[in-house]
Protein backbone atom coordinates (compact mmCIF):
# COMPACT_ATOMS: atom_id res chain seq x y z
CA MET A 1 0.02 -0.04 0.07
CA ALA A 2 1.26 3.54 -0.75
CA LYS A 3 2.15 5.53 2.26
CA LEU A 4 -0.51 8.23 3.06
CA PRO A 5 0.19 11.64 4.49
CA PHE A 6 -0.42 11.82 8.25
CA VAL A 7 -3.17 14.46 8.80
CA PHE A 8 -4.62 15.79 12.06
CA GLY A 9 -8.08 17.20 12.04
CA PRO A 10 -10.83 17.12 9.30
CA LEU A 11 -10.27 15.81 5.84
CA ALA A 12 -11.60 17.37 2.70
CA GLY A 13 -14.65 15.64 1.33
CA VAL A 14 -15.16 13.62 4.54
CA ALA A 15 -18.00 14.99 6.77
CA PRO A 16 -19.37 13.42 9.96
CA GLY A 17 -21.73 10.72 9.13
CA HIS A 18 -19.72 9.50 6.13
CA GLU A 19 -19.79 5.71 5.95
CA PHE A 20 -17.06 3.20 4.82
CA ARG A 21 -17.61 -0.40 3.97
CA ASN A 22 -14.46 -1.63 5.65
CA ARG A 23 -11.05 -0.79 7.13
CA LEU A 24 -9.39 -0.74 3.69
CA GLU A 25 -11.71 2.00 2.65
CA LEU A 26 -10.97 3.89 5.83
CA TYR A 27 -7.23 3.59 5.02
CA GLY A 28 -7.74 4.58 1.40
CA ALA A 29 -9.50 7.85 2.33
CA GLY A 30 -6.74 8.69 4.85
CA VAL A 31 -9.41 8.74 7.66
CA HIS A 32 -7.51 6.03 9.65
CA THR A 33 -4.08 5.00 8.50
CA GLN A 34 -4.10 1.65 10.28
CA THR A 35 -5.74 -1.39 8.76
CA GLN A 36 -5.92 -3.28 12.07
CA ALA A 37 -4.78 -1.09 15.12
CA GLY A 38 -7.47 0.94 16.81
CA ILE A 39 -5.20 3.95 17.31
CA SER A 40 -3.49 5.79 14.46
CA ALA A 41 -0.62 7.69 15.85
CA ARG A 42 2.95 9.02 14.96
CA GLN A 43 5.68 8.91 17.52
CA GLY A 44 6.43 12.24 19.06
CA GLU A 45 3.57 13.98 17.16
CA GLY A 46 0.22 12.66 18.49
CA ALA A 47 -2.66 10.51 17.54
CA ALA A 48 -4.82 11.41 14.55
CA SER A 49 -7.66 8.97 14.86
CA ILE A 50 -9.29 5.97 16.62
CA VAL A 51 -11.66 3.24 15.72
CA LEU A 52 -14.36 2.27 18.25
CA SER A 53 -15.06 -1.42 17.38
CA GLY A 54 -15.99 -3.04 20.67
CA GLY A 55 -12.67 -4.66 21.20
CA TYR A 56 -12.15 -3.36 24.83
CA GLU A 57 -14.80 -4.24 27.32
CA ASP A 58 -14.07 -1.15 29.36
CA ASP A 59 -14.98 1.32 26.57
CA GLU A 60 -17.93 3.51 27.42
CA ASP A 61 -19.57 5.38 24.47
CA PHE A 62 -22.06 8.17 25.45
CA GLY A 63 -22.01 9.80 21.96
CA ASP A 64 -20.66 13.22 22.69
CA ILE A 65 -18.43 11.84 25.43
CA ILE A 66 -16.43 8.67 25.14
CA ILE A 67 -14.41 6.90 27.87
CA TYR A 68 -11.78 5.25 25.77
CA THR A 69 -9.47 2.37 26.84
CA GLY A 70 -5.87 2.61 25.63
CA ARG A 71 -3.91 -0.01 23.76
CA GLY A 72 -2.05 -2.97 25.07
CA GLY A 73 -2.25 -5.90 27.52
CA ARG A 74 -4.75 -8.01 25.60
CA SER A 75 -4.43 -11.63 24.53
CA ALA A 76 -4.35 -12.12 20.82
CA GLU A 77 -6.07 -15.52 21.34
CA SER A 78 -8.86 -14.71 23.90
CA ASN A 79 -9.04 -11.03 23.30
CA GLN A 80 -9.12 -10.51 27.06
CA GLN A 81 -7.06 -8.21 29.21
CA VAL A 82 -4.22 -10.20 30.63
CA ALA A 83 -1.63 -7.60 31.60
CA ASP A 84 -1.41 -4.02 32.77
CA GLN A 85 -1.22 -1.32 30.03
CA THR A 86 1.75 1.13 29.93
CA LEU A 87 1.93 4.72 29.11
CA THR A 88 3.94 4.22 25.96
CA GLY A 89 3.51 4.07 22.26
CA ALA A 90 0.00 5.06 21.07
CA ASN A 91 -1.14 5.66 24.65
CA LEU A 92 1.50 8.19 25.12
CA GLU A 93 0.57 9.87 21.85
CA LEU A 94 -3.01 10.28 23.12
CA VAL A 95 -1.50 12.15 26.11
CA ARG A 96 0.28 14.41 23.64
CA ASN A 97 -3.14 15.23 22.11
CA HIS A 98 -4.26 16.24 25.61
CA ALA A 99 -1.25 18.48 26.13
CA THR A 100 -1.25 20.16 22.66
CA GLY A 101 -4.96 20.35 21.92
CA LEU A 102 -4.65 18.27 18.80
CA PRO A 103 -8.03 16.94 17.59
CA LEU A 104 -8.82 13.27 17.16
CA ARG A 105 -10.94 11.73 14.44
CA VAL A 106 -13.34 9.13 15.83
CA ILE A 107 -14.72 6.28 13.69
CA ARG A 108 -17.33 3.88 15.02
CA LYS A 109 -17.99 0.36 13.83
CA VAL A 110 -21.72 -0.07 13.26
CA GLU A 111 -23.50 -3.46 13.29
CA ALA A 112 -26.52 -3.51 10.95
CA ARG A 113 -28.77 -6.34 9.72
CA SER A 114 -27.10 -6.09 6.37
CA GLY A 115 -23.66 -6.38 7.96
CA SER A 116 -21.17 -4.11 9.58
CA PHE A 117 -19.67 -0.85 8.30
CA TYR A 118 -17.67 2.09 9.67
CA ARG A 119 -18.83 5.62 10.26
CA TYR A 120 -16.77 8.75 10.67
CA ASP A 121 -18.35 10.64 13.59
CA GLY A 122 -16.28 13.95 13.73
CA LEU A 123 -13.48 15.38 15.88
CA TYR A 124 -13.06 14.87 19.52
CA ARG A 125 -10.54 16.34 22.03
CA VAL A 126 -8.70 14.34 24.70
CA ALA A 127 -10.02 16.10 27.78
CA ALA A 128 -8.49 13.94 30.49
CA TYR A 129 -6.57 10.69 31.17
CA TRP A 130 -5.93 8.39 34.15
CA ALA A 131 -4.99 4.88 35.03
CA GLU A 132 -7.29 2.41 37.04
CA PRO A 133 -7.93 -1.23 37.49
CA ARG A 134 -10.83 -2.34 35.51
CA LYS A 135 -13.03 -5.40 35.10
CA SER A 136 -10.17 -7.76 34.37
CA GLY A 137 -8.29 -6.69 37.53
CA HIS A 138 -5.52 -5.21 35.39
CA ARG A 139 -4.62 -1.62 35.23
CA VAL A 140 -5.50 0.18 32.00
CA TRP A 141 -5.26 3.77 30.76
CA ARG A 142 -8.44 5.64 30.24
CA PHE A 143 -9.05 8.67 28.08
CA ARG A 144 -12.00 11.07 28.27
CA LEU A 145 -12.89 12.23 24.71
CA GLU A 146 -15.24 15.09 24.12
CA LEU A 147 -16.93 15.98 20.79
CA LEU A 148 -15.70 19.35 19.28
CA PRO A 149 -17.82 21.71 17.23
CA ASP A 150 -18.32 20.87 13.54
CA ASP A 151 -16.37 23.96 12.56
CA TRP A 152 -13.27 23.28 14.67
CA GLY A 153 -10.94 24.42 11.79
CA PRO A 154 -8.86 23.20 8.91
CA SER A 155 -6.87 20.08 8.71
CA THR A 156 -3.22 20.19 9.68
CA ASN A 157 -0.52 17.74 8.76
CA SER A 158 2.85 17.54 10.56
CA ALA A 159 4.74 19.15 7.78
CA ALA A 160 2.37 22.08 7.66
CA ALA A 161 2.77 22.59 11.43
CA ALA A 162 6.48 22.86 11.13
CA SER A 163 6.48 25.19 8.01
CA ALA A 164 3.98 27.53 9.74
CA VAL A 165 7.14 29.18 11.39
CA ALA A 166 8.10 30.48 7.98
CA GLU A 167 4.79 31.03 6.37
CA GLU A 168 2.85 34.03 7.72
CA ALA A 169 0.37 36.06 5.69
CA ALA A 170 1.56 39.42 4.52
CA ALA A 171 -1.86 41.04 5.48
CA TYR A 172 -3.89 39.91 8.40
CA GLY A 173 -7.30 40.63 9.96
CA PRO A 174 -9.25 39.36 12.86
CA ALA A 175 -8.74 35.68 13.57
CA PRO A 176 -11.80 33.54 12.60
CA ARG A 177 -14.31 33.18 15.44
CA ARG A 178 -17.03 30.64 16.27
CA ALA A 179 -19.83 30.62 18.81
CA SER A 180 -19.03 27.80 21.21
CA THR A 181 -18.17 27.17 24.83
CA VAL A 182 -14.90 25.19 25.00
CA LEU A 183 -11.68 25.28 26.92
CA ARG A 184 -8.88 27.43 25.62
CA VAL A 185 -6.73 24.39 24.67
CA VAL A 186 -9.16 23.62 21.82
CA ARG A 187 -8.16 26.85 20.14
CA ASP A 188 -4.69 25.57 19.48
CA THR A 189 -3.42 25.98 15.99
CA ALA A 190 -0.36 25.13 13.88
CA ILE A 191 0.98 28.51 14.86
CA THR A 192 0.72 27.98 18.61
CA ARG A 193 2.15 24.52 18.37
CA SER A 194 4.99 25.98 16.19
CA VAL A 195 5.90 28.56 18.88
CA LYS A 196 6.11 25.85 21.58
CA LEU A 197 8.44 23.67 19.41
CA LEU A 198 10.68 26.67 18.52
CA HIS A 199 11.15 27.27 22.33
CA ASP A 200 11.26 23.62 23.24
CA TYR A 201 8.35 24.23 25.69
CA HIS A 202 10.56 26.78 27.68
CA CYS A 203 8.81 29.81 29.03
CA GLN A 204 10.21 33.02 27.36
CA VAL A 205 10.00 34.86 30.75
CA CYS A 206 11.41 32.38 33.39
CA GLU A 207 12.87 29.72 31.02
CA VAL A 208 11.09 26.99 33.00
CA GLN A 209 10.00 23.87 30.95
CA LEU A 210 7.15 22.04 32.71
CA ARG A 211 7.49 18.27 32.18
CA GLY A 212 5.14 15.49 33.02
CA VAL A 213 4.67 12.55 30.71
CA VAL A 214 5.21 15.06 27.85
CA PRO A 215 6.39 18.74 28.06
CA TYR A 216 3.85 21.42 28.62
CA ALA A 217 3.80 25.14 27.78
CA GLU A 218 1.08 27.60 26.63
CA ALA A 219 0.83 29.92 23.71
CA ALA A 220 -0.04 33.51 24.74
CA HIS A 221 -1.42 35.94 22.18
CA ILE A 222 0.16 39.35 22.70
CA ARG A 223 -2.83 41.26 21.09
CA PRO A 224 -5.71 39.03 22.29
CA LEU A 225 -7.74 37.18 19.72
CA GLY A 226 -11.23 37.98 21.32
CA ALA A 227 -13.32 41.09 20.98
CA PRO A 228 -12.64 44.00 21.31
CA HIS A 229 -9.00 43.31 20.47
CA HIS A 230 -9.30 41.13 17.35
CA GLY A 231 -5.59 40.12 17.35
CA PRO A 232 -4.36 37.90 14.50
CA ASP A 233 -3.34 34.25 14.94
CA ILE A 234 0.11 34.59 13.53
CA LEU A 235 3.55 33.68 14.98
CA ALA A 236 4.59 37.36 15.55
CA ASN A 237 1.61 37.72 17.90
CA VAL A 238 2.37 34.74 20.04
CA LEU A 239 4.56 33.99 23.02
CA CYS A 240 5.50 30.69 24.58
CA LEU A 241 4.93 30.99 28.33
CA CYS A 242 4.38 28.84 31.40
CA PRO A 243 0.79 28.93 32.89
CA ASN A 244 1.77 31.33 35.55
CA HIS A 245 3.34 33.94 33.30
CA HIS A 246 0.55 33.41 30.80
CA ILE A 247 -2.04 34.40 33.38
CA LEU A 248 0.06 37.38 34.52
CA PHE A 249 0.54 38.63 30.98
CA ASP A 250 -3.08 38.24 30.12
CA LEU A 251 -4.02 40.19 33.36
CA GLY A 252 -1.67 43.01 32.45
CA VAL A 253 0.56 42.45 35.45
CA PHE A 254 3.69 42.88 33.07
CA GLY A 255 4.31 44.13 29.58
CA ILE A 256 7.32 43.99 27.19
CA ALA A 257 9.24 47.03 25.75
CA ASP A 258 10.40 47.11 22.12
CA ASP A 259 13.90 46.12 23.21
CA PHE A 260 12.32 43.07 25.08
CA ARG A 261 12.87 44.42 28.57
CA LEU A 262 10.06 43.23 30.93
CA LEU A 263 7.91 45.90 32.32
CA GLY A 264 6.68 45.11 35.78
CA LEU A 265 8.99 42.24 36.22
CA PRO A 266 12.82 41.99 36.20
CA GLY A 267 14.58 40.64 33.24
CA ARG A 268 14.21 40.31 29.57
CA LEU A 269 12.13 38.33 27.23
CA ILE A 270 13.97 35.28 25.90
CA ILE A 271 14.29 35.51 22.11
CA GLN A 272 14.72 32.75 19.42
CA LYS A 273 16.04 33.99 16.20
CA LYS A 274 13.37 32.08 14.17
CA HIS A 275 10.67 33.61 16.25
CA LEU A 276 10.28 37.33 15.30
CA VAL A 277 7.93 39.04 17.81
CA GLY A 278 6.02 41.92 16.26
CA ALA A 279 6.79 45.36 17.93
CA GLU A 280 3.18 46.50 16.87
CA PHE A 281 1.64 43.80 19.05
CA LEU A 282 4.01 44.55 22.01
CA ALA A 283 2.89 48.28 21.70
CA TYR A 284 -0.75 47.33 21.56
CA HIS A 285 -0.46 45.20 24.72
CA ARG A 286 1.26 48.08 26.60
CA ALA A 287 -1.39 50.50 25.43
CA TYR A 288 -4.47 48.36 26.13
CA CYS A 289 -3.54 45.44 28.50
CA TYR A 290 -0.53 46.41 30.56
CA GLU A 291 -1.36 48.03 33.94
CA PRO A 292 1.83 49.33 35.62
CA GLN A 293 1.91 48.89 39.40
CA ALA A 294 3.35 51.59 41.63
CA ASN A 295 5.66 49.09 43.32
CA ALA A 296 6.57 47.14 40.14
CA GLU A 297 10.34 46.29 39.89
CA GLN A 298 11.76 47.71 36.60
CA THR A 299 15.08 47.03 35.01
């Protein structure tokens, strides 16, 4: 079989509800690039899709919410859980989706009188994960998946995410908006993933890299995306920050001068030569977001 591109997110021409006769059709359409495994993942990048086929007795499917059991520990002969699962391989990549906000395509196997078929049911996010002993007595990894809005955004392949560093539009306007109530991580884009990779998940203020199973950092928009600011979702308008400094920056506790001195905090912003921060966005933040404190330490 020809090797297919590895794509995260929606696929052109494949809408929720699209039906496929078998796993080979799923593979041929690029919806799930595994002909047998239930998780399609790429090491170090994340998982792109899963197939719910009733293989794990602990799976719980409530439609918009799925409690999904990770891979591993099953007997090939009996199909029963015979060993503990580990947080490695495809299971670790599902954790990466949780940390980065990457969406996950969900396909369900449907049993009908005329036979079985597979149905693409849209994009989900990995909202949480944990380990627990289940019906078999063995420990398994569990993932809470939550359905995303239909208009989550365009598809992204791994090459496009990397090249986003060098490809910014010459003209920009307000970032696309959608009416939905979701967590901020869902809004992650190729741009925000790129800024984290450029800084290796180190905060540009304190240099801290938070590490759990996978490294974690947050992308902070300098000129905010939401009304009334309408900042653009481009690399020049994004910083890589730890959660603490992200909140402080959004609250206007500190600002950044054009020469990258921190205002309201000691020190300077850490710069990476491939990440050009826009002076116009820093100026906007100083004018409309930064609130100097009388006792703030300046350098």
